[in-house]
Amino acid sequence: MSTEESDILFKLVEEKYGDRLTPKELEEIKKGVERVTETARALREVKIENWDEPFTVFRPYTKEE
């Protein structure tokens, strides 16, 4: 499930650090880059307007904390 974006990002990592990494490590990094680009793509698909506020979770203080 490789995309142009993840290929470009992986090549940057490979060029900079490839001489210090094993093929297995590079494969794990490639998988990680693909996951990050998939997450970024999903975030880009969320349409928000300038007036949309961030989602916050209210957690009142309790003595147990």
PDB file of N, CA and C in Angstrom:
ATOM      1  N   MET A   1       0.836  -1.177   0.000  1.00  0.00           N
ATOM      2  CA  MET A   1       0.000   0.000   0.000  1.00  0.00           C
ATOM      3  C   MET A   1       0.886   1.247   0.000  1.00  0.00           C
ATOM      4  N   SER A   2       1.759   1.330  -0.935  1.00  0.00           N
ATOM      5  CA  SER A   2       2.718   2.419  -1.008  1.00  0.00           C
ATOM      6  C   SER A   2       2.185   3.552  -1.871  1.00  0.00           C
ATOM      7  N   THR A   3       2.421   4.753  -1.447  1.00  0.00           N
ATOM      8  CA  THR A   3       2.004   5.919  -2.208  1.00  0.00           C
ATOM      9  C   THR A   3       3.223   6.734  -2.590  1.00  0.00           C
ATOM     10  N   GLU A   4       3.007   7.657  -3.490  1.00  0.00           N
ATOM     11  CA  GLU A   4       4.112   8.518  -3.909  1.00  0.00           C
ATOM     12  C   GLU A   4       4.662   9.306  -2.725  1.00  0.00           C
ATOM     13  N   GLU A   5       3.761   9.804  -1.884  1.00  0.00           N
ATOM     14  CA  GLU A   5       4.189  10.581  -0.722  1.00  0.00           C
ATOM     15  C   GLU A   5       5.037   9.744   0.232  1.00  0.00           C
ATOM     16  N   SER A   6       4.580   8.542   0.543  1.00  0.00           N
ATOM     17  CA  SER A   6       5.348   7.701   1.466  1.00  0.00           C
ATOM     18  C   SER A   6       6.663   7.256   0.836  1.00  0.00           C
ATOM     19  N   ASP A   7       6.669   7.022  -0.482  1.00  0.00           N
ATOM     20  CA  ASP A   7       7.918   6.668  -1.167  1.00  0.00           C
ATOM     21  C   ASP A   7       8.942   7.791  -1.060  1.00  0.00           C
ATOM     22  N   ILE A   8       8.493   9.017  -1.267  1.00  0.00           N
ATOM     23  CA  ILE A   8       9.398  10.169  -1.193  1.00  0.00           C
ATOM     24  C   ILE A   8       9.958  10.314   0.217  1.00  0.00           C
ATOM     25  N   LEU A   9       9.082  10.226   1.220  1.00  0.00           N
ATOM     26  CA  LEU A   9       9.538  10.358   2.604  1.00  0.00           C
ATOM     27  C   LEU A   9      10.486   9.229   2.992  1.00  0.00           C
ATOM     28  N   PHE A  10      10.181   8.007   2.557  1.00  0.00           N
ATOM     29  CA  PHE A  10      11.063   6.884   2.867  1.00  0.00           C
ATOM     30  C   PHE A  10      12.425   7.065   2.208  1.00  0.00           C
ATOM     31  N   LYS A  11      12.447   7.534   0.969  1.00  0.00           N
ATOM     32  CA  LYS A  11      13.726   7.745   0.279  1.00  0.00           C
ATOM     33  C   LYS A  11      14.579   8.777   0.999  1.00  0.00           C
ATOM     34  N   LEU A  12      13.938   9.804   1.579  1.00  0.00           N
ATOM     35  CA  LEU A  12      14.689  10.793   2.357  1.00  0.00           C
ATOM     36  C   LEU A  12      15.363  10.140   3.560  1.00  0.00           C
ATOM     37  N   VAL A  13      14.622   9.300   4.262  1.00  0.00           N
ATOM     38  CA  VAL A  13      15.183   8.597   5.421  1.00  0.00           C
ATOM     39  C   VAL A  13      16.284   7.643   4.973  1.00  0.00           C
ATOM     40  N   GLU A  14      16.025   6.919   3.903  1.00  0.00           N
ATOM     41  CA  GLU A  14      16.994   5.941   3.404  1.00  0.00           C
ATOM     42  C   GLU A  14      18.289   6.616   2.965  1.00  0.00           C
ATOM     43  N   GLU A  15      18.186   7.751   2.297  1.00  0.00           N
ATOM     44  CA  GLU A  15      19.387   8.461   1.852  1.00  0.00           C
ATOM     45  C   GLU A  15      20.194   8.989   3.026  1.00  0.00           C
ATOM     46  N   LYS A  16      19.499   9.477   4.051  1.00  0.00           N
ATOM     47  CA  LYS A  16      20.205  10.074   5.183  1.00  0.00           C
ATOM     48  C   LYS A  16      20.763   9.027   6.153  1.00  0.00           C
ATOM     49  N   TYR A  17      19.997   7.949   6.405  1.00  0.00           N
ATOM     50  CA  TYR A  17      20.387   6.988   7.436  1.00  0.00           C
ATOM     51  C   TYR A  17      20.584   5.561   6.928  1.00  0.00           C
ATOM     52  N   GLY A  18      20.374   5.326   5.651  1.00  0.00           N
ATOM     53  CA  GLY A  18      20.419   3.973   5.100  1.00  0.00           C
ATOM     54  C   GLY A  18      21.711   3.222   5.340  1.00  0.00           C
ATOM     55  N   ASP A  19      22.822   3.929   5.375  1.00  0.00           N
ATOM     56  CA  ASP A  19      24.108   3.259   5.578  1.00  0.00           C
ATOM     57  C   ASP A  19      24.276   2.735   7.004  1.00  0.00           C
ATOM     58  N   ARG A  20      23.445   3.202   7.933  1.00  0.00           N
ATOM     59  CA  ARG A  20      23.545   2.779   9.330  1.00  0.00           C
ATOM     60  C   ARG A  20      22.442   1.810   9.743  1.00  0.00           C
ATOM     61  N   LEU A  21      21.550   1.490   8.809  1.00  0.00           N
ATOM     62  CA  LEU A  21      20.405   0.638   9.137  1.00  0.00           C
ATOM     63  C   LEU A  21      20.461  -0.681   8.372  1.00  0.00           C
ATOM     64  N   THR A  22      19.958  -1.714   9.005  1.00  0.00           N
ATOM     65  CA  THR A  22      19.886  -3.021   8.345  1.00  0.00           C
ATOM     66  C   THR A  22      18.666  -3.043   7.419  1.00  0.00           C
ATOM     67  N   PRO A  23      18.639  -3.984   6.484  1.00  0.00           N
ATOM     68  CA  PRO A  23      17.450  -4.102   5.622  1.00  0.00           C
ATOM     69  C   PRO A  23      16.158  -4.318   6.420  1.00  0.00           C
ATOM     70  N   LYS A  24      16.243  -5.069   7.515  1.00  0.00           N
ATOM     71  CA  LYS A  24      15.057  -5.294   8.355  1.00  0.00           C
ATOM     72  C   LYS A  24      14.594  -3.984   8.995  1.00  0.00           C
ATOM     73  N   GLU A  25      15.539  -3.188   9.480  1.00  0.00           N
ATOM     74  CA  GLU A  25      15.190  -1.896  10.077  1.00  0.00           C
ATOM     75  C   GLU A  25      14.578  -0.961   9.037  1.00  0.00           C
ATOM     76  N   LEU A  26      15.138  -0.976   7.836  1.00  0.00           N
ATOM     77  CA  LEU A  26      14.589  -0.144   6.766  1.00  0.00           C
ATOM     78  C   LEU A  26      13.163  -0.553   6.422  1.00  0.00           C
ATOM     79  N   GLU A  27      12.893  -1.850   6.430  1.00  0.00           N
ATOM     80  CA  GLU A  27      11.536  -2.331   6.144  1.00  0.00           C
ATOM     81  C   GLU A  27      10.554  -1.862   7.218  1.00  0.00           C
ATOM     82  N   GLU A  28      10.976  -1.909   8.477  1.00  0.00           N
ATOM     83  CA  GLU A  28      10.122  -1.435   9.568  1.00  0.00           C
ATOM     84  C   GLU A  28       9.879   0.070   9.446  1.00  0.00           C
ATOM     85  N   ILE A  29      10.911   0.802   9.079  1.00  0.00           N
ATOM     86  CA  ILE A  29      10.765   2.247   8.889  1.00  0.00           C
ATOM     87  C   ILE A  29       9.805   2.530   7.745  1.00  0.00           C
ATOM     88  N   LYS A  30       9.910   1.766   6.675  1.00  0.00           N
ATOM     89  CA  LYS A  30       9.006   1.955   5.534  1.00  0.00           C
ATOM     90  C   LYS A  30       7.556   1.737   5.959  1.00  0.00           C
ATOM     91  N   LYS A  31       7.309   0.705   6.755  1.00  0.00           N
ATOM     92  CA  LYS A  31       5.951   0.460   7.252  1.00  0.00           C
ATOM     93  C   LYS A  31       5.475   1.623   8.121  1.00  0.00           C
ATOM     94  N   GLY A  32       6.364   2.137   8.954  1.00  0.00           N
ATOM     95  CA  GLY A  32       6.012   3.268   9.814  1.00  0.00           C
ATOM     96  C   GLY A  32       5.690   4.517   9.013  1.00  0.00           C
ATOM     97  N   VAL A  33       6.488   4.776   7.987  1.00  0.00           N
ATOM     98  CA  VAL A  33       6.243   5.933   7.125  1.00  0.00           C
ATOM     99  C   VAL A  33       4.897   5.788   6.421  1.00  0.00           C
ATOM    100  N   GLU A  34       4.577   4.590   5.976  1.00  0.00           N
ATOM    101  CA  GLU A  34       3.282   4.363   5.318  1.00  0.00           C
ATOM    102  C   GLU A  34       2.126   4.607   6.281  1.00  0.00           C
ATOM    103  N   ARG A  35       2.287   4.177   7.542  1.00  0.00           N
ATOM    104  CA  ARG A  35       1.230   4.427   8.535  1.00  0.00           C
ATOM    105  C   ARG A  35       1.066   5.918   8.795  1.00  0.00           C
ATOM    106  N   VAL A  36       2.175   6.628   8.893  1.00  0.00           N
ATOM    107  CA  VAL A  36       2.116   8.071   9.142  1.00  0.00           C
ATOM    108  C   VAL A  36       1.447   8.792   7.977  1.00  0.00           C
ATOM    109  N   THR A  37       1.785   8.422   6.746  1.00  0.00           N
ATOM    110  CA  THR A  37       1.176   9.088   5.596  1.00  0.00           C
ATOM    111  C   THR A  37      -0.305   8.745   5.478  1.00  0.00           C
ATOM    112  N   GLU A  38      -0.700   7.532   5.863  1.00  0.00           N
ATOM    113  CA  GLU A  38      -2.129   7.181   5.869  1.00  0.00           C
ATOM    114  C   GLU A  38      -2.879   8.017   6.905  1.00  0.00           C
ATOM    115  N   THR A  39      -2.275   8.190   8.077  1.00  0.00           N
ATOM    116  CA  THR A  39      -2.896   9.012   9.114  1.00  0.00           C
ATOM    117  C   THR A  39      -2.994  10.464   8.661  1.00  0.00           C
ATOM    118  N   ALA A  40      -1.937  10.972   8.054  1.00  0.00           N
ATOM    119  CA  ALA A  40      -1.952  12.348   7.555  1.00  0.00           C
ATOM    120  C   ALA A  40      -3.020  12.524   6.483  1.00  0.00           C
ATOM    121  N   ARG A  41      -3.169  11.555   5.624  1.00  0.00           N
ATOM    122  CA  ARG A  41      -4.192  11.623   4.578  1.00  0.00           C
ATOM    123  C   ARG A  41      -5.588  11.679   5.203  1.00  0.00           C
ATOM    124  N   ALA A  42      -5.820  10.848   6.220  1.00  0.00           N
ATOM    125  CA  ALA A  42      -7.120  10.844   6.899  1.00  0.00           C
ATOM    126  C   ALA A  42      -7.392  12.185   7.572  1.00  0.00           C
ATOM    127  N   LEU A  43      -6.370  12.769   8.180  1.00  0.00           N
ATOM    128  CA  LEU A  43      -6.548  14.077   8.813  1.00  0.00           C
ATOM    129  C   LEU A  43      -6.843  15.163   7.786  1.00  0.00           C
ATOM    130  N   ARG A  44      -6.188  15.096   6.633  1.00  0.00           N
ATOM    131  CA  ARG A  44      -6.436  16.092   5.586  1.00  0.00           C
ATOM    132  C   ARG A  44      -7.857  16.017   5.039  1.00  0.00           C
ATOM    133  N   GLU A  45      -8.469  14.843   5.111  1.00  0.00           N
ATOM    134  CA  GLU A  45      -9.822  14.666   4.587  1.00  0.00           C
ATOM    135  C   GLU A  45     -10.893  15.268   5.493  1.00  0.00           C
ATOM    136  N   VAL A  46     -10.549  15.551   6.743  1.00  0.00           N
ATOM    137  CA  VAL A  46     -11.513  16.154   7.663  1.00  0.00           C
ATOM    138  C   VAL A  46     -11.629  17.633   7.319  1.00  0.00           C
ATOM    139  N   LYS A  47     -12.837  18.017   6.927  1.00  0.00           N
ATOM    140  CA  LYS A  47     -13.068  19.410   6.549  1.00  0.00           C
ATOM    141  C   LYS A  47     -13.489  20.203   7.776  1.00  0.00           C
ATOM    142  N   ILE A  48     -12.735  21.245   8.074  1.00  0.00           N
ATOM    143  CA  ILE A  48     -13.099  22.129   9.172  1.00  0.00           C
ATOM    144  C   ILE A  48     -13.083  23.557   8.659  1.00  0.00           C
ATOM    145  N   GLU A  49     -13.832  24.378   9.321  1.00  0.00           N
ATOM    146  CA  GLU A  49     -13.878  25.796   8.990  1.00  0.00           C
ATOM    147  C   GLU A  49     -13.077  26.568  10.029  1.00  0.00           C
ATOM    148  N   ASN A  50     -12.814  27.819   9.744  1.00  0.00           N
ATOM    149  CA  ASN A  50     -12.020  28.648  10.634  1.00  0.00           C
ATOM    150  C   ASN A  50     -12.662  28.778  12.014  1.00  0.00           C
ATOM    151  N   TRP A  51     -13.968  28.744  12.101  1.00  0.00           N
ATOM    152  CA  TRP A  51     -14.663  28.926  13.376  1.00  0.00           C
ATOM    153  C   TRP A  51     -14.849  27.625  14.151  1.00  0.00           C
ATOM    154  N   ASP A  52     -14.450  26.505  13.598  1.00  0.00           N
ATOM    155  CA  ASP A  52     -14.557  25.232  14.317  1.00  0.00           C
ATOM    156  C   ASP A  52     -13.545  25.194  15.455  1.00  0.00           C
ATOM    157  N   GLU A  53     -14.062  24.904  16.650  1.00  0.00           N
ATOM    158  CA  GLU A  53     -13.186  24.859  17.816  1.00  0.00           C
ATOM    159  C   GLU A  53     -12.649  23.446  18.023  1.00  0.00           C
ATOM    160  N   PRO A  54     -11.495  23.333  18.669  1.00  0.00           N
ATOM    161  CA  PRO A  54     -10.956  21.998  18.935  1.00  0.00           C
ATOM    162  C   PRO A  54     -11.852  21.238  19.911  1.00  0.00           C
ATOM    163  N   PHE A  55     -11.871  19.936  19.774  1.00  0.00           N
ATOM    164  CA  PHE A  55     -12.627  19.085  20.685  1.00  0.00           C
ATOM    165  C   PHE A  55     -11.854  18.979  21.985  1.00  0.00           C
ATOM    166  N   THR A  56     -12.521  19.264  23.079  1.00  0.00           N
ATOM    167  CA  THR A  56     -11.864  19.147  24.380  1.00  0.00           C
ATOM    168  C   THR A  56     -12.661  18.196  25.261  1.00  0.00           C
ATOM    169  N   VAL A  57     -11.959  17.537  26.135  1.00  0.00           N
ATOM    170  CA  VAL A  57     -12.587  16.626  27.084  1.00  0.00           C
ATOM    171  C   VAL A  57     -12.472  17.255  28.461  1.00  0.00           C
ATOM    172  N   PHE A  58     -13.607  17.492  29.088  1.00  0.00           N
ATOM    173  CA  PHE A  58     -13.612  18.062  30.432  1.00  0.00           C
ATOM    174  C   PHE A  58     -13.484  16.942  31.447  1.00  0.00           C
ATOM    175  N   ARG A  59     -12.446  17.009  32.249  1.00  0.00           N
ATOM    176  CA  ARG A  59     -12.247  16.026  33.314  1.00  0.00           C
ATOM    177  C   ARG A  59     -12.108  16.782  34.624  1.00  0.00           C
ATOM    178  N   PRO A  60     -13.154  16.823  35.434  1.00  0.00           N
ATOM    179  CA  PRO A  60     -13.063  17.558  36.695  1.00  0.00           C
ATOM    180  C   PRO A  60     -12.067  16.882  37.637  1.00  0.00           C
ATOM    181  N   TYR A  61     -11.460  17.691  38.449  1.00  0.00           N
ATOM    182  CA  TYR A  61     -10.514  17.177  39.430  1.00  0.00           C
ATOM    183  C   TYR A  61     -11.255  16.360  40.483  1.00  0.00           C
ATOM    184  N   THR A  62     -10.706  15.224  40.819  1.00  0.00           N
ATOM    185  CA  THR A  62     -11.241  14.437  41.930  1.00  0.00           C
ATOM    186  C   THR A  62     -10.105  14.141  42.893  1.00  0.00           C
ATOM    187  N   LYS A  63     -10.452  13.888  44.126  1.00  0.00           N
ATOM    188  CA  LYS A  63      -9.420  13.653  45.142  1.00  0.00           C
ATOM    189  C   LYS A  63      -8.531  12.464  44.837  1.00  0.00           C
ATOM    190  N   GLU A  64      -9.064  11.462  44.118  1.00  0.00           N
ATOM    191  CA  GLU A  64      -8.288  10.263  43.835  1.00  0.00           C
ATOM    192  C   GLU A  64      -7.099  10.531  42.921  1.00  0.00           C
ATOM    193  N   GLU A  65      -7.130  11.602  42.182  1.00  0.00           N
ATOM    194  CA  GLU A  65      -6.047  11.856  41.209  1.00  0.00           C
ATOM    195  C   GLU A  65      -4.806  12.341  41.858  1.00  0.00           C
TER     196      GLU A  65
END
